[in-house]
Protein backbone atom coordinates (compact mmCIF):
# COMPACT_ATOMS: atom_id res chain seq x y z
CA MET A 1 -0.05 0.05 0.04
CA SER A 2 1.44 3.33 -0.87
CA ALA A 3 1.88 6.30 1.37
CA ALA A 4 -1.04 7.99 -0.24
CA GLU A 5 -3.27 5.13 0.34
CA MET A 6 -2.65 5.03 3.63
CA GLN A 7 -3.11 8.55 4.23
CA LYS A 8 -6.61 8.12 2.44
CA SER A 9 -7.28 5.19 4.67
CA LEU A 10 -6.74 7.16 8.03
CA ARG A 11 -8.65 10.27 6.74
CA ASN A 12 -11.61 7.74 5.99
CA LEU A 13 -11.48 6.42 9.46
CA LYS A 14 -12.46 10.25 10.44
CA SER A 15 -15.22 10.56 8.17
CA GLU A 16 -16.68 7.33 8.50
CA PHE A 17 -16.16 6.66 12.43
CA GLY A 18 -15.22 10.17 13.74
CA SER A 19 -11.66 9.37 14.76
CA LEU A 20 -9.96 11.75 16.69
CA ALA A 21 -6.44 10.32 15.71
CA SER A 22 -5.01 7.67 13.73
CA ALA A 23 -1.92 6.17 12.62
CA ILE A 24 0.25 3.46 11.21
CA VAL A 25 3.08 2.86 13.33
CA SER A 26 6.14 0.72 12.91
CA ARG A 27 6.20 -2.03 15.85
CA ASP A 28 9.49 -0.14 16.82
CA GLY A 29 7.65 3.36 17.11
CA VAL A 30 8.38 4.76 14.16
CA MET A 31 5.33 6.75 12.51
CA ILE A 32 4.59 5.50 8.81
CA ALA A 33 1.18 7.37 8.35
CA SER A 34 -0.97 9.40 10.53
CA ASP A 35 -3.82 11.60 10.74
CA ILE A 36 -3.45 13.10 14.46
CA PRO A 37 -4.61 16.56 15.66
CA GLU A 38 -2.14 19.53 15.66
CA GLY A 39 -0.24 19.91 18.81
CA VAL A 40 0.16 16.20 19.35
CA ILE A 41 3.80 15.27 19.67
CA ALA A 42 3.84 12.43 17.05
CA GLU A 43 6.97 10.85 18.19
CA THR A 44 5.93 10.46 21.83
CA PHE A 45 2.41 9.21 20.48
CA THR A 46 4.04 6.46 18.25
CA ILE A 47 6.51 5.23 20.46
CA MET A 48 3.92 4.91 23.16
CA CYS A 49 1.55 3.15 20.97
CA ALA A 50 4.41 0.65 20.16
CA THR A 51 5.35 0.10 23.61
CA MET A 52 1.80 -0.72 24.65
CA MET A 53 1.49 -3.54 22.08
CA GLY A 54 4.90 -4.48 22.76
CA ALA A 55 4.19 -4.88 26.50
CA ALA A 56 1.17 -7.12 25.52
CA SER A 57 3.05 -9.01 23.22
CA THR A 58 5.58 -9.87 26.08
CA ALA A 59 2.70 -10.66 28.37
CA HIS A 60 1.23 -13.12 25.91
CA SER A 61 4.86 -14.72 24.98
CA GLU A 62 5.31 -15.48 28.83
CA LEU A 63 1.99 -17.11 28.92
CA LYS A 64 2.53 -18.85 25.62
CA ILE A 65 -0.87 -17.92 24.25
CA GLY A 66 0.29 -16.62 20.71
CA GLN A 67 0.46 -12.80 19.86
CA PRO A 68 -2.08 -10.31 20.54
CA LYS A 69 -4.02 -9.20 17.32
CA ALA A 70 -5.75 -6.12 19.13
CA MET A 71 -6.02 -4.15 22.32
CA ARG A 72 -8.75 -1.63 23.42
CA ILE A 73 -8.05 0.99 25.86
CA LEU A 74 -10.89 3.05 27.41
CA SER A 75 -10.99 6.37 28.67
CA GLU A 76 -13.91 8.77 30.01
CA LYS A 77 -15.03 9.56 26.50
CA HIS A 78 -12.76 7.66 23.93
CA GLU A 79 -11.37 4.46 23.32
CA MET A 80 -7.90 4.01 21.57
CA LEU A 81 -7.62 0.65 19.41
CA LEU A 82 -4.40 -0.60 18.65
CA VAL A 83 -4.51 -3.50 15.74
CA SER A 84 -1.95 -5.56 14.52
CA ALA A 85 -0.96 -5.18 10.72
CA GLY A 86 1.50 -7.89 10.08
CA ARG A 87 4.58 -8.53 11.92
CA LYS A 88 5.94 -4.86 11.40
CA ALA A 89 3.19 -2.42 12.14
CA ILE A 90 0.10 -1.62 14.22
CA ILE A 91 -2.73 0.63 13.31
CA VAL A 92 -3.99 2.75 15.98
CA CYS A 93 -7.36 4.62 15.88
CA VAL A 94 -8.65 7.10 18.62
CA VAL A 95 -12.63 6.98 18.54
CA PRO A 96 -15.55 8.45 20.76
CA LEU A 97 -16.51 5.59 23.27
CA GLY A 98 -19.50 3.40 21.67
CA THR A 99 -18.02 3.79 18.30
CA LYS A 100 -19.45 0.56 16.61
CA ILE A 101 -16.32 -0.54 14.45
CA ASP A 102 -16.43 -3.97 13.44
């Protein structure tokens, strides 16, 4: 998928689901593509998302239950979804709480 296609897909998350922020991040925390609000420190955002998925991966490995495919982090009004996109990337999307994403 080209960079332009990735950017378009992330913008579609905003128009279809009202995402506050979305990104495609490498598992080591490097931004591949993003649609995040101005003022967000992209480097911090991406590194922390990769760290969360990495921690889940380590915990799963210790339990010998396979690799996590997705994580859901809930806050008062939003939820952050981190979804595995193969061995090298993660898709991150922050949407209003209760948004139906199948």
